[in-house]
């Protein structure tokens, strides 16, 4: 790929890049840049995680070294019981590589890093103290507001969270941090404050948050709003069937959003069309090469919600098939990591 082609691959379906100019310069001068995304091991992964798996796949195709930080200590700072950290780490460690396998991505330049493996080091802890002398309580609270569950009586740990996330960029030796747009304030916190303790600012790249099945943000804590990676075929069909998908309404439509950010990019990468099967008496099959055409068909009601739902359920079922081959292990790890009360 040329630097221009790499840029287009990376920019696909992004919400914001801070800054695109810096990204262009990085691609022009560095043969193998590094990027990371961090995920606190709190809620159970669900199908919306395919959005960032796809984006990491874009980085891999563009020649990046890609690092996934499984942030166990961040999970504790955001309310995960300490005794479950290792169990949840093992769950994530099992399912995320299977998601890459599901979309057919070569992961030879991909690595999983456990947060506590480097975040307990003396230098890292010293840098937490150094940065804490440069930032205010309000700075930290504002940065973490959309990421950390503060509640009515906030704990100190939530204020440490953004400091650690900023330092992760330096200790992971990356050029870019990638996250959802809900992380914007915390990513800007890193850009602003790393130079205060002598470290360079990084490029920050964000992708959109998609609506869940209920027409709001897809949430790991709300079973009705998301499809779990361990859901069986019938459960997937039932959840999709009951999803919010008003005829002609595009806004807050989680079904359409999943097509836009997951299904259609996968189809385009394979040179395939997204096919919606319909009986001949209802007009026969519909085929789409571009998401914009599908959205237009839905908006003008030439595409019925039920036909769209059936097609999406089929595609999700295909995505989850590689994970179901490991169902026994996944179910065992899930039971340990997410015990029912």
C-alpha atoms as a PDB file:
ATOM      1  CA  UNK A   1       0.000   0.000   0.000  1.00  0.00           C
ATOM      2  CA  UNK A   2       1.075   3.586  -0.648  1.00  0.00           C
ATOM      3  CA  UNK A   3       0.813   6.083   2.236  1.00  0.00           C
ATOM      4  CA  UNK A   4      -2.329   7.463   0.583  1.00  0.00           C
ATOM      5  CA  UNK A   5      -3.917   4.010   0.368  1.00  0.00           C
ATOM      6  CA  UNK A   6      -3.016   3.322   3.990  1.00  0.00           C
ATOM      7  CA  UNK A   7      -4.642   6.605   4.992  1.00  0.00           C
ATOM      8  CA  UNK A   8      -7.898   5.717   3.245  1.00  0.00           C
ATOM      9  CA  UNK A   9      -7.908   2.260   4.843  1.00  0.00           C
ATOM     10  CA  UNK A  10      -7.437   3.737   8.306  1.00  0.00           C
ATOM     11  CA  UNK A  11      -9.963   6.549   7.816  1.00  0.00           C
ATOM     12  CA  UNK A  12     -12.782   4.180   6.845  1.00  0.00           C
ATOM     13  CA  UNK A  13     -15.806   4.649   9.127  1.00  0.00           C
ATOM     14  CA  UNK A  14     -13.924   6.884  11.562  1.00  0.00           C
ATOM     15  CA  UNK A  15     -15.657   9.667  13.472  1.00  0.00           C
ATOM     16  CA  UNK A  16     -12.608  11.842  14.175  1.00  0.00           C
ATOM     17  CA  UNK A  17      -8.814  11.818  13.866  1.00  0.00           C
ATOM     18  CA  UNK A  18      -6.720  14.192  15.963  1.00  0.00           C
ATOM     19  CA  UNK A  19      -4.983  15.091  13.811  1.00  0.00           C
ATOM     20  CA  UNK A  20      -5.212  13.828  10.231  1.00  0.00           C
ATOM     21  CA  UNK A  21      -2.169  15.936   9.341  1.00  0.00           C
ATOM     22  CA  UNK A  22      -0.091  14.110  11.965  1.00  0.00           C
ATOM     23  CA  UNK A  23      -1.399  10.775  10.684  1.00  0.00           C
ATOM     24  CA  UNK A  24      -0.317  11.611   7.122  1.00  0.00           C
ATOM     25  CA  UNK A  25       3.151  12.555   8.375  1.00  0.00           C
ATOM     26  CA  UNK A  26       3.409   9.332  10.387  1.00  0.00           C
ATOM     27  CA  UNK A  27       2.482   7.185   7.382  1.00  0.00           C
ATOM     28  CA  UNK A  28       4.994   9.005   5.198  1.00  0.00           C
ATOM     29  CA  UNK A  29       7.961   8.635   7.536  1.00  0.00           C
ATOM     30  CA  UNK A  30       7.464   5.407   9.508  1.00  0.00           C
ATOM     31  CA  UNK A  31       7.400   1.995   7.859  1.00  0.00           C
ATOM     32  CA  UNK A  32       5.734   0.110  10.733  1.00  0.00           C
ATOM     33  CA  UNK A  33       3.847   2.405  13.111  1.00  0.00           C
ATOM     34  CA  UNK A  34       2.117   1.085  16.225  1.00  0.00           C
ATOM     35  CA  UNK A  35      -1.456   1.556  17.406  1.00  0.00           C
ATOM     36  CA  UNK A  36      -3.334   0.337  20.444  1.00  0.00           C
ATOM     37  CA  UNK A  37      -6.824   0.162  21.788  1.00  0.00           C
ATOM     38  CA  UNK A  38      -7.492  -0.425  25.471  1.00  0.00           C
ATOM     39  CA  UNK A  39     -10.567  -2.128  26.816  1.00  0.00           C
ATOM     40  CA  UNK A  40     -11.309  -2.356  30.508  1.00  0.00           C
ATOM     41  CA  UNK A  41     -12.362  -5.922  31.244  1.00  0.00           C
ATOM     42  CA  UNK A  42     -15.722  -5.011  32.743  1.00  0.00           C
ATOM     43  CA  UNK A  43     -18.791  -6.078  30.761  1.00  0.00           C
ATOM     44  CA  UNK A  44     -18.988  -9.188  28.601  1.00  0.00           C
ATOM     45  CA  UNK A  45     -17.941  -8.583  24.962  1.00  0.00           C
ATOM     46  CA  UNK A  46     -20.798  -8.415  22.457  1.00  0.00           C
ATOM     47  CA  UNK A  47     -21.207  -8.062  18.696  1.00  0.00           C
ATOM     48  CA  UNK A  48     -20.566  -4.295  18.693  1.00  0.00           C
ATOM     49  CA  UNK A  49     -16.950  -5.185  19.544  1.00  0.00           C
ATOM     50  CA  UNK A  50     -16.670  -6.197  15.890  1.00  0.00           C
ATOM     51  CA  UNK A  51     -16.500  -2.465  15.078  1.00  0.00           C
ATOM     52  CA  UNK A  52     -13.124  -2.052  16.729  1.00  0.00           C
ATOM     53  CA  UNK A  53     -11.968  -5.501  15.665  1.00  0.00           C
ATOM     54  CA  UNK A  54     -12.628  -4.376  12.081  1.00  0.00           C
ATOM     55  CA  UNK A  55     -10.791  -1.106  12.636  1.00  0.00           C
ATOM     56  CA  UNK A  56      -7.801  -2.948  14.095  1.00  0.00           C
ATOM     57  CA  UNK A  57      -7.986  -5.151  11.010  1.00  0.00           C
ATOM     58  CA  UNK A  58      -7.750  -1.982   8.892  1.00  0.00           C
ATOM     59  CA  UNK A  59      -4.597  -1.005  10.783  1.00  0.00           C
ATOM     60  CA  UNK A  60      -3.125  -4.479  10.263  1.00  0.00           C
ATOM     61  CA  UNK A  61      -3.775  -4.251   6.526  1.00  0.00           C
ATOM     62  CA  UNK A  62      -2.070  -0.848   6.521  1.00  0.00           C
ATOM     63  CA  UNK A  63       1.094  -2.397   7.978  1.00  0.00           C
ATOM     64  CA  UNK A  64       0.747  -1.393  11.627  1.00  0.00           C
ATOM     65  CA  UNK A  65       1.847  -3.242  14.708  1.00  0.00           C
ATOM     66  CA  UNK A  66      -1.451  -3.567  16.568  1.00  0.00           C
ATOM     67  CA  UNK A  67      -1.707  -3.889  20.345  1.00  0.00           C
ATOM     68  CA  UNK A  68      -4.799  -4.718  22.356  1.00  0.00           C
ATOM     69  CA  UNK A  69      -4.519  -3.670  25.980  1.00  0.00           C
ATOM     70  CA  UNK A  70      -6.716  -5.811  28.190  1.00  0.00           C
ATOM     71  CA  UNK A  71      -6.831  -3.298  30.994  1.00  0.00           C
ATOM     72  CA  UNK A  72      -7.485  -5.405  34.064  1.00  0.00           C
ATOM     73  CA  UNK A  73      -6.516  -2.689  36.549  1.00  0.00           C
ATOM     74  CA  UNK A  74      -8.705  -0.179  34.728  1.00  0.00           C
ATOM     75  CA  UNK A  75     -11.512  -2.690  35.124  1.00  0.00           C
ATOM     76  CA  UNK A  76     -10.989  -2.630  38.880  1.00  0.00           C
ATOM     77  CA  UNK A  77     -10.958   1.178  38.869  1.00  0.00           C
ATOM     78  CA  UNK A  78     -14.350   1.065  37.151  1.00  0.00           C
ATOM     79  CA  UNK A  79     -15.965  -1.326  39.602  1.00  0.00           C
ATOM     80  CA  UNK A  80     -14.996  -4.865  38.562  1.00  0.00           C
ATOM     81  CA  UNK A  81     -14.416  -6.971  41.701  1.00  0.00           C
ATOM     82  CA  UNK A  82     -10.708  -7.634  42.171  1.00  0.00           C
ATOM     83  CA  UNK A  83     -11.255 -11.365  42.508  1.00  0.00           C
ATOM     84  CA  UNK A  84     -12.788 -11.495  39.002  1.00  0.00           C
ATOM     85  CA  UNK A  85     -10.057  -9.609  37.145  1.00  0.00           C
ATOM     86  CA  UNK A  86      -7.984 -12.625  36.137  1.00  0.00           C
ATOM     87  CA  UNK A  87     -11.072 -14.598  35.135  1.00  0.00           C
ATOM     88  CA  UNK A  88     -12.370 -11.790  32.962  1.00  0.00           C
ATOM     89  CA  UNK A  89      -8.940 -11.334  31.432  1.00  0.00           C
ATOM     90  CA  UNK A  90      -8.949 -14.992  30.401  1.00  0.00           C
ATOM     91  CA  UNK A  91     -12.423 -14.617  28.891  1.00  0.00           C
ATOM     92  CA  UNK A  92     -11.374 -11.647  26.762  1.00  0.00           C
ATOM     93  CA  UNK A  93      -8.103 -13.350  25.848  1.00  0.00           C
ATOM     94  CA  UNK A  94     -10.105 -16.292  24.510  1.00  0.00           C
ATOM     95  CA  UNK A  95     -12.859 -14.565  22.536  1.00  0.00           C
ATOM     96  CA  UNK A  96     -11.109 -11.587  20.920  1.00  0.00           C
ATOM     97  CA  UNK A  97      -8.713 -13.646  18.730  1.00  0.00           C
ATOM     98  CA  UNK A  98     -11.701 -15.723  17.641  1.00  0.00           C
ATOM     99  CA  UNK A  99     -13.404 -12.519  16.474  1.00  0.00           C
ATOM    100  CA  UNK A 100     -10.420 -11.773  14.233  1.00  0.00           C
ATOM    101  CA  UNK A 101     -10.607 -15.316  12.929  1.00  0.00           C
ATOM    102  CA  UNK A 102     -14.297 -14.809  12.220  1.00  0.00           C
ATOM    103  CA  UNK A 103     -13.571 -11.929   9.834  1.00  0.00           C
ATOM    104  CA  UNK A 104     -10.561 -13.664   8.285  1.00  0.00           C
ATOM    105  CA  UNK A 105      -7.832 -11.290   9.461  1.00  0.00           C
ATOM    106  CA  UNK A 106      -4.164 -12.279   9.635  1.00  0.00           C
ATOM    107  CA  UNK A 107      -3.053 -11.440  13.197  1.00  0.00           C
ATOM    108  CA  UNK A 108       0.684 -12.090  12.981  1.00  0.00           C
ATOM    109  CA  UNK A 109       1.291  -8.403  13.819  1.00  0.00           C
ATOM    110  CA  UNK A 110      -1.308  -8.333  16.587  1.00  0.00           C
ATOM    111  CA  UNK A 111      -0.577  -8.809  20.292  1.00  0.00           C
ATOM    112  CA  UNK A 112      -2.595  -8.846  23.485  1.00  0.00           C
ATOM    113  CA  UNK A 113      -1.051  -7.073  26.472  1.00  0.00           C
ATOM    114  CA  UNK A 114      -2.248  -7.380  30.040  1.00  0.00           C
ATOM    115  CA  UNK A 115      -2.375  -4.051  31.830  1.00  0.00           C
ATOM    116  CA  UNK A 116      -1.077  -5.216  35.196  1.00  0.00           C
ATOM    117  CA  UNK A 117       2.016  -6.716  33.539  1.00  0.00           C
ATOM    118  CA  UNK A 118       3.504  -3.228  33.159  1.00  0.00           C
ATOM    119  CA  UNK A 119       1.250  -0.888  35.153  1.00  0.00           C
ATOM    120  CA  UNK A 120       2.602  -2.139  38.501  1.00  0.00           C
ATOM    121  CA  UNK A 121       6.181  -1.254  37.583  1.00  0.00           C
ATOM    122  CA  UNK A 122       7.918   1.388  39.711  1.00  0.00           C
ATOM    123  CA  UNK A 123       8.502   3.805  36.815  1.00  0.00           C
ATOM    124  CA  UNK A 124       4.850   3.664  35.793  1.00  0.00           C
ATOM    125  CA  UNK A 125       3.665   4.291  39.354  1.00  0.00           C
ATOM    126  CA  UNK A 126       6.128   7.160  39.683  1.00  0.00           C
ATOM    127  CA  UNK A 127       4.718   8.711  36.508  1.00  0.00           C
ATOM    128  CA  UNK A 128       1.193   8.478  37.928  1.00  0.00           C
ATOM    129  CA  UNK A 129       2.382  10.634  40.815  1.00  0.00           C
ATOM    130  CA  UNK A 130       4.193  13.002  38.461  1.00  0.00           C
ATOM    131  CA  UNK A 131       1.105  13.551  36.328  1.00  0.00           C
ATOM    132  CA  UNK A 132      -1.101  13.926  39.397  1.00  0.00           C
ATOM    133  CA  UNK A 133       0.889  17.082  40.230  1.00  0.00           C
ATOM    134  CA  UNK A 134       0.106  18.541  36.801  1.00  0.00           C
ATOM    135  CA  UNK A 135      -3.647  17.907  36.576  1.00  0.00           C
ATOM    136  CA  UNK A 136      -6.598  18.925  38.712  1.00  0.00           C
ATOM    137  CA  UNK A 137      -9.423  16.881  40.173  1.00  0.00           C
ATOM    138  CA  UNK A 138     -11.773  18.611  37.737  1.00  0.00           C
ATOM    139  CA  UNK A 139      -9.487  17.769  34.801  1.00  0.00           C
ATOM    140  CA  UNK A 140      -9.590  14.077  35.676  1.00  0.00           C
ATOM    141  CA  UNK A 141     -13.293  13.967  36.428  1.00  0.00           C
ATOM    142  CA  UNK A 142     -14.197  15.765  33.215  1.00  0.00           C
ATOM    143  CA  UNK A 143     -11.943  13.479  31.163  1.00  0.00           C
ATOM    144  CA  UNK A 144     -13.385  10.277  32.638  1.00  0.00           C
ATOM    145  CA  UNK A 145     -17.016  11.389  32.846  1.00  0.00           C
ATOM    146  CA  UNK A 146     -18.262   9.326  29.890  1.00  0.00           C
ATOM    147  CA  UNK A 147     -16.097   6.295  30.644  1.00  0.00           C
ATOM    148  CA  UNK A 148     -16.099   5.793  34.419  1.00  0.00           C
ATOM    149  CA  UNK A 149     -19.213   5.123  36.511  1.00  0.00           C
ATOM    150  CA  UNK A 150     -18.776   7.803  39.198  1.00  0.00           C
ATOM    151  CA  UNK A 151     -22.145   7.587  40.956  1.00  0.00           C
ATOM    152  CA  UNK A 152     -23.352   9.930  43.693  1.00  0.00           C
ATOM    153  CA  UNK A 153     -20.299   9.415  45.916  1.00  0.00           C
ATOM    154  CA  UNK A 154     -17.331   9.174  43.491  1.00  0.00           C
ATOM    155  CA  UNK A 155     -14.317   7.141  44.502  1.00  0.00           C
ATOM    156  CA  UNK A 156     -10.751   8.308  44.067  1.00  0.00           C
ATOM    157  CA  UNK A 157     -10.016   5.454  41.667  1.00  0.00           C
ATOM    158  CA  UNK A 158     -12.115   7.061  38.924  1.00  0.00           C
ATOM    159  CA  UNK A 159      -9.804  10.076  38.922  1.00  0.00           C
ATOM    160  CA  UNK A 160      -6.721   7.881  38.506  1.00  0.00           C
ATOM    161  CA  UNK A 161      -8.252   6.182  35.466  1.00  0.00           C
ATOM    162  CA  UNK A 162      -7.492   8.924  32.854  1.00  0.00           C
ATOM    163  CA  UNK A 163      -3.961   9.398  34.177  1.00  0.00           C
ATOM    164  CA  UNK A 164      -3.227   5.732  33.635  1.00  0.00           C
ATOM    165  CA  UNK A 165      -4.833   5.707  30.201  1.00  0.00           C
ATOM    166  CA  UNK A 166      -2.619   8.620  29.165  1.00  0.00           C
ATOM    167  CA  UNK A 167       0.515   6.879  30.419  1.00  0.00           C
ATOM    168  CA  UNK A 168      -0.402   3.682  28.590  1.00  0.00           C
ATOM    169  CA  UNK A 169       0.363   5.451  25.309  1.00  0.00           C
ATOM    170  CA  UNK A 170       3.963   5.995  26.421  1.00  0.00           C
ATOM    171  CA  UNK A 171       4.576   2.640  28.058  1.00  0.00           C
ATOM    172  CA  UNK A 172       3.106   0.712  25.137  1.00  0.00           C
ATOM    173  CA  UNK A 173       5.365   2.691  22.760  1.00  0.00           C
ATOM    174  CA  UNK A 174       2.618   3.458  20.271  1.00  0.00           C
ATOM    175  CA  UNK A 175       2.052   6.237  17.754  1.00  0.00           C
ATOM    176  CA  UNK A 176      -1.757   6.146  17.887  1.00  0.00           C
ATOM    177  CA  UNK A 177      -4.401   5.420  20.471  1.00  0.00           C
ATOM    178  CA  UNK A 178      -7.718   4.280  19.051  1.00  0.00           C
ATOM    179  CA  UNK A 179     -11.051   4.311  20.869  1.00  0.00           C
ATOM    180  CA  UNK A 180     -14.755   4.994  20.537  1.00  0.00           C
ATOM    181  CA  UNK A 181     -15.945   8.577  20.284  1.00  0.00           C
ATOM    182  CA  UNK A 182     -17.213   8.244  23.870  1.00  0.00           C
ATOM    183  CA  UNK A 183     -13.524   8.286  24.841  1.00  0.00           C
ATOM    184  CA  UNK A 184     -12.840  11.645  23.234  1.00  0.00           C
ATOM    185  CA  UNK A 185     -12.355  13.627  26.447  1.00  0.00           C
ATOM    186  CA  UNK A 186      -9.995  11.066  27.901  1.00  0.00           C
ATOM    187  CA  UNK A 187      -7.984  10.914  24.667  1.00  0.00           C
ATOM    188  CA  UNK A 188      -7.670  14.691  24.597  1.00  0.00           C
ATOM    189  CA  UNK A 189      -6.592  14.550  28.237  1.00  0.00           C
ATOM    190  CA  UNK A 190      -3.684  12.350  27.148  1.00  0.00           C
ATOM    191  CA  UNK A 191      -2.670  14.710  24.324  1.00  0.00           C
ATOM    192  CA  UNK A 192      -2.730  17.691  26.623  1.00  0.00           C
ATOM    193  CA  UNK A 193      -0.955  16.217  29.623  1.00  0.00           C
ATOM    194  CA  UNK A 194       1.681  13.747  28.418  1.00  0.00           C
ATOM    195  CA  UNK A 195       3.968  16.616  27.259  1.00  0.00           C
ATOM    196  CA  UNK A 196       3.815  18.116  30.762  1.00  0.00           C
ATOM    197  CA  UNK A 197       5.906  15.227  32.065  1.00  0.00           C
ATOM    198  CA  UNK A 198       8.225  15.032  29.078  1.00  0.00           C
ATOM    199  CA  UNK A 199       6.437  12.565  26.781  1.00  0.00           C
ATOM    200  CA  UNK A 200       5.218  13.225  23.237  1.00  0.00           C
ATOM    201  CA  UNK A 201       1.540  13.524  22.393  1.00  0.00           C
ATOM    202  CA  UNK A 202       0.036  10.806  20.243  1.00  0.00           C
ATOM    203  CA  UNK A 203      -2.467  10.741  17.416  1.00  0.00           C
ATOM    204  CA  UNK A 204      -5.980   9.967  18.651  1.00  0.00           C
ATOM    205  CA  UNK A 205      -8.453   8.156  16.388  1.00  0.00           C
ATOM    206  CA  UNK A 206     -12.127   7.516  17.130  1.00  0.00           C
ATOM    207  CA  UNK A 207     -14.977   5.497  15.645  1.00  0.00           C
ATOM    208  CA  UNK A 208     -18.699   6.052  16.340  1.00  0.00           C
ATOM    209  CA  UNK A 209     -20.723   4.387  19.056  1.00  0.00           C
ATOM    210  CA  UNK A 210     -23.627   2.505  17.501  1.00  0.00           C
ATOM    211  CA  UNK A 211     -27.175   2.244  18.849  1.00  0.00           C
ATOM    212  CA  UNK A 212     -28.181  -0.991  20.512  1.00  0.00           C
ATOM    213  CA  UNK A 213     -31.154  -3.130  19.647  1.00  0.00           C
ATOM    214  CA  UNK A 214     -33.392  -0.874  21.716  1.00  0.00           C
ATOM    215  CA  UNK A 215     -32.390   2.267  19.825  1.00  0.00           C
ATOM    216  CA  UNK A 216     -29.890   3.465  22.425  1.00  0.00           C
ATOM    217  CA  UNK A 217     -26.187   2.819  23.015  1.00  0.00           C
ATOM    218  CA  UNK A 218     -25.364  -0.879  22.862  1.00  0.00           C
ATOM    219  CA  UNK A 219     -24.460  -1.832  26.419  1.00  0.00           C
ATOM    220  CA  UNK A 220     -22.796  -4.896  27.875  1.00  0.00           C
ATOM    221  CA  UNK A 221     -24.872  -4.425  31.023  1.00  0.00           C
ATOM    222  CA  UNK A 222     -28.228  -4.435  29.206  1.00  0.00           C
ATOM    223  CA  UNK A 223     -28.957  -7.903  27.817  1.00  0.00           C
ATOM    224  CA  UNK A 224     -31.846  -6.648  25.699  1.00  0.00           C
ATOM    225  CA  UNK A 225     -29.717  -4.021  23.944  1.00  0.00           C
ATOM    226  CA  UNK A 226     -27.002  -6.314  22.573  1.00  0.00           C
ATOM    227  CA  UNK A 227     -26.187  -9.711  21.119  1.00  0.00           C
ATOM    228  CA  UNK A 228     -23.720 -11.686  23.171  1.00  0.00           C
ATOM    229  CA  UNK A 229     -20.864 -13.494  21.437  1.00  0.00           C
ATOM    230  CA  UNK A 230     -22.085 -16.725  23.002  1.00  0.00           C
ATOM    231  CA  UNK A 231     -25.713 -16.387  21.883  1.00  0.00           C
ATOM    232  CA  UNK A 232     -27.030 -19.342  19.890  1.00  0.00           C
ATOM    233  CA  UNK A 233     -28.728 -19.070  16.504  1.00  0.00           C
ATOM    234  CA  UNK A 234     -32.263 -18.907  17.855  1.00  0.00           C
ATOM    235  CA  UNK A 235     -31.367 -16.299  20.476  1.00  0.00           C
ATOM    236  CA  UNK A 236     -29.795 -14.132  17.778  1.00  0.00           C
ATOM    237  CA  UNK A 237     -32.947 -14.394  15.661  1.00  0.00           C
ATOM    238  CA  UNK A 238     -35.203 -13.602  18.611  1.00  0.00           C
ATOM    239  CA  UNK A 239     -33.179 -10.549  19.671  1.00  0.00           C
ATOM    240  CA  UNK A 240     -32.979  -9.197  16.138  1.00  0.00           C
ATOM    241  CA  UNK A 241     -36.698  -9.809  15.605  1.00  0.00           C
ATOM    242  CA  UNK A 242     -37.580  -7.740  18.686  1.00  0.00           C
ATOM    243  CA  UNK A 243     -35.084  -4.950  17.925  1.00  0.00           C
ATOM    244  CA  UNK A 244     -36.129  -1.354  17.371  1.00  0.00           C
ATOM    245  CA  UNK A 245     -36.379  -0.904  13.593  1.00  0.00           C
ATOM    246  CA  UNK A 246     -39.222   1.430  12.639  1.00  0.00           C
ATOM    247  CA  UNK A 247     -40.102   1.484   8.924  1.00  0.00           C
ATOM    248  CA  UNK A 248     -38.340   4.323   7.133  1.00  0.00           C
ATOM    249  CA  UNK A 249     -36.588   5.585  10.295  1.00  0.00           C
ATOM    250  CA  UNK A 250     -32.804   5.648  10.026  1.00  0.00           C
ATOM    251  CA  UNK A 251     -31.878   7.548  13.201  1.00  0.00           C
ATOM    252  CA  UNK A 252     -31.019   5.459  16.296  1.00  0.00           C
ATOM    253  CA  UNK A 253     -31.559   2.294  14.276  1.00  0.00           C
ATOM    254  CA  UNK A 254     -29.138  -0.290  15.667  1.00  0.00           C
ATOM    255  CA  UNK A 255     -29.825  -2.767  12.870  1.00  0.00           C
ATOM    256  CA  UNK A 256     -28.854  -0.288  10.150  1.00  0.00           C
ATOM    257  CA  UNK A 257     -25.841   0.868  12.158  1.00  0.00           C
ATOM    258  CA  UNK A 258     -24.528  -2.688  12.411  1.00  0.00           C
ATOM    259  CA  UNK A 259     -24.895  -3.074   8.648  1.00  0.00           C
ATOM    260  CA  UNK A 260     -23.036   0.196   8.049  1.00  0.00           C
ATOM    261  CA  UNK A 261     -20.104  -0.390  10.374  1.00  0.00           C
ATOM    262  CA  UNK A 262     -19.696  -4.172  10.319  1.00  0.00           C
ATOM    263  CA  UNK A 263     -21.541  -6.104   7.628  1.00  0.00           C
ATOM    264  CA  UNK A 264     -21.026  -3.766   4.662  1.00  0.00           C
ATOM    265  CA  UNK A 265     -17.275  -3.227   5.218  1.00  0.00           C
ATOM    266  CA  UNK A 266     -16.801  -6.993   5.431  1.00  0.00           C
ATOM    267  CA  UNK A 267     -18.750  -7.493   2.206  1.00  0.00           C
ATOM    268  CA  UNK A 268     -16.795  -4.775   0.421  1.00  0.00           C
ATOM    269  CA  UNK A 269     -13.462  -6.255   1.533  1.00  0.00           C
ATOM    270  CA  UNK A 270     -14.489  -9.589   0.010  1.00  0.00           C
ATOM    271  CA  UNK A 271     -15.910  -7.996  -3.134  1.00  0.00           C
ATOM    272  CA  UNK A 272     -19.362  -9.290  -2.244  1.00  0.00           C
ATOM    273  CA  UNK A 273     -22.820  -7.759  -2.214  1.00  0.00           C
ATOM    274  CA  UNK A 274     -25.125  -7.674   0.791  1.00  0.00           C
ATOM    275  CA  UNK A 275     -28.044  -9.825  -0.279  1.00  0.00           C
ATOM    276  CA  UNK A 276     -31.458  -9.551   1.338  1.00  0.00           C
ATOM    277  CA  UNK A 277     -33.536 -12.577   0.427  1.00  0.00           C
ATOM    278  CA  UNK A 278     -37.227 -12.071  -0.255  1.00  0.00           C
ATOM    279  CA  UNK A 279     -39.926 -14.276  -1.819  1.00  0.00           C
ATOM    280  CA  UNK A 280     -40.677 -13.535  -5.476  1.00  0.00           C
ATOM    281  CA  UNK A 281     -44.193 -12.402  -4.534  1.00  0.00           C
ATOM    282  CA  UNK A 282     -42.602  -9.573  -2.482  1.00  0.00           C
ATOM    283  CA  UNK A 283     -40.272  -8.480  -5.252  1.00  0.00           C
ATOM    284  CA  UNK A 284     -37.482 -11.037  -4.981  1.00  0.00           C
ATOM    285  CA  UNK A 285     -34.003 -10.583  -3.563  1.00  0.00           C
ATOM    286  CA  UNK A 286     -32.376  -7.190  -3.048  1.00  0.00           C
ATOM    287  CA  UNK A 287     -28.628  -6.698  -3.543  1.00  0.00           C
ATOM    288  CA  UNK A 288     -26.540  -3.803  -2.254  1.00  0.00           C
ATOM    289  CA  UNK A 289     -22.924  -2.886  -2.989  1.00  0.00           C
ATOM    290  CA  UNK A 290     -22.979   0.335  -0.953  1.00  0.00           C
ATOM    291  CA  UNK A 291     -24.498   1.140   2.429  1.00  0.00           C
ATOM    292  CA  UNK A 292     -25.854   4.468   1.165  1.00  0.00           C
ATOM    293  CA  UNK A 293     -28.038   2.614  -1.337  1.00  0.00           C
ATOM    294  CA  UNK A 294     -29.377   0.314   1.371  1.00  0.00           C
ATOM    295  CA  UNK A 295     -30.130   3.228   3.677  1.00  0.00           C
ATOM    296  CA  UNK A 296     -31.993   5.018   0.877  1.00  0.00           C
ATOM    297  CA  UNK A 297     -34.064   1.903   0.183  1.00  0.00           C
ATOM    298  CA  UNK A 298     -34.925   1.632   3.865  1.00  0.00           C
ATOM    299  CA  UNK A 299     -35.754   5.326   4.192  1.00  0.00           C
ATOM    300  CA  UNK A 300     -38.145   5.250   1.243  1.00  0.00           C
ATOM    301  CA  UNK A 301     -39.686   2.025   2.611  1.00  0.00           C
ATOM    302  CA  UNK A 302     -38.835  -0.134  -0.378  1.00  0.00           C
ATOM    303  CA  UNK A 303     -36.929  -2.317   2.097  1.00  0.00           C
ATOM    304  CA  UNK A 304     -39.114  -3.765   4.852  1.00  0.00           C
ATOM    305  CA  UNK A 305     -37.722  -3.995   8.429  1.00  0.00           C
ATOM    306  CA  UNK A 306     -38.447  -7.716   8.708  1.00  0.00           C
ATOM    307  CA  UNK A 307     -36.521  -8.518   5.516  1.00  0.00           C
ATOM    308  CA  UNK A 308     -33.585  -6.450   6.767  1.00  0.00           C
ATOM    309  CA  UNK A 309     -33.706  -8.126  10.179  1.00  0.00           C
ATOM    310  CA  UNK A 310     -33.695 -11.615   8.674  1.00  0.00           C
ATOM    311  CA  UNK A 311     -30.647 -10.789   6.553  1.00  0.00           C
ATOM    312  CA  UNK A 312     -28.769  -9.227   9.473  1.00  0.00           C
ATOM    313  CA  UNK A 313     -29.552 -12.176  11.746  1.00  0.00           C
ATOM    314  CA  UNK A 314     -28.101 -14.485   9.089  1.00  0.00           C
ATOM    315  CA  UNK A 315     -24.896 -12.421   8.807  1.00  0.00           C
ATOM    316  CA  UNK A 316     -24.445 -12.231  12.596  1.00  0.00           C
ATOM    317  CA  UNK A 317     -24.984 -15.959  12.823  1.00  0.00           C
ATOM    318  CA  UNK A 318     -22.152 -16.464  10.316  1.00  0.00           C
ATOM    319  CA  UNK A 319     -19.879 -14.167  12.328  1.00  0.00           C
ATOM    320  CA  UNK A 320     -20.510 -16.107  15.520  1.00  0.00           C
ATOM    321  CA  UNK A 321     -20.013 -19.568  13.991  1.00  0.00           C
ATOM    322  CA  UNK A 322     -16.232 -19.705  14.679  1.00  0.00           C
ATOM    323  CA  UNK A 323     -16.889 -18.828  18.308  1.00  0.00           C
ATOM    324  CA  UNK A 324     -19.526 -21.537  18.684  1.00  0.00           C
ATOM    325  CA  UNK A 325     -16.876 -24.120  17.814  1.00  0.00           C
ATOM    326  CA  UNK A 326     -15.325 -23.189  21.162  1.00  0.00           C
ATOM    327  CA  UNK A 327     -18.645 -23.033  23.005  1.00  0.00           C
ATOM    328  CA  UNK A 328     -17.651 -25.361  25.859  1.00  0.00           C
ATOM    329  CA  UNK A 329     -14.555 -23.323  26.735  1.00  0.00           C
ATOM    330  CA  UNK A 330     -16.314 -19.989  26.246  1.00  0.00           C
ATOM    331  CA  UNK A 331     -19.275 -20.975  28.414  1.00  0.00           C
ATOM    332  CA  UNK A 332     -16.951 -22.237  31.159  1.00  0.00           C
ATOM    333  CA  UNK A 333     -14.873 -19.042  31.137  1.00  0.00           C
ATOM    334  CA  UNK A 334     -18.006 -16.872  31.030  1.00  0.00           C
ATOM    335  CA  UNK A 335     -19.505 -18.662  34.023  1.00  0.00           C
ATOM    336  CA  UNK A 336     -16.326 -18.014  36.001  1.00  0.00           C
ATOM    337  CA  UNK A 337     -15.857 -14.403  34.843  1.00  0.00           C
ATOM    338  CA  UNK A 338     -19.511 -13.345  35.068  1.00  0.00           C
ATOM    339  CA  UNK A 339     -21.073 -15.404  37.856  1.00  0.00           C
ATOM    340  CA  UNK A 340     -24.793 -14.969  38.329  1.00  0.00           C
ATOM    341  CA  UNK A 341     -25.906 -13.654  41.668  1.00  0.00           C
END
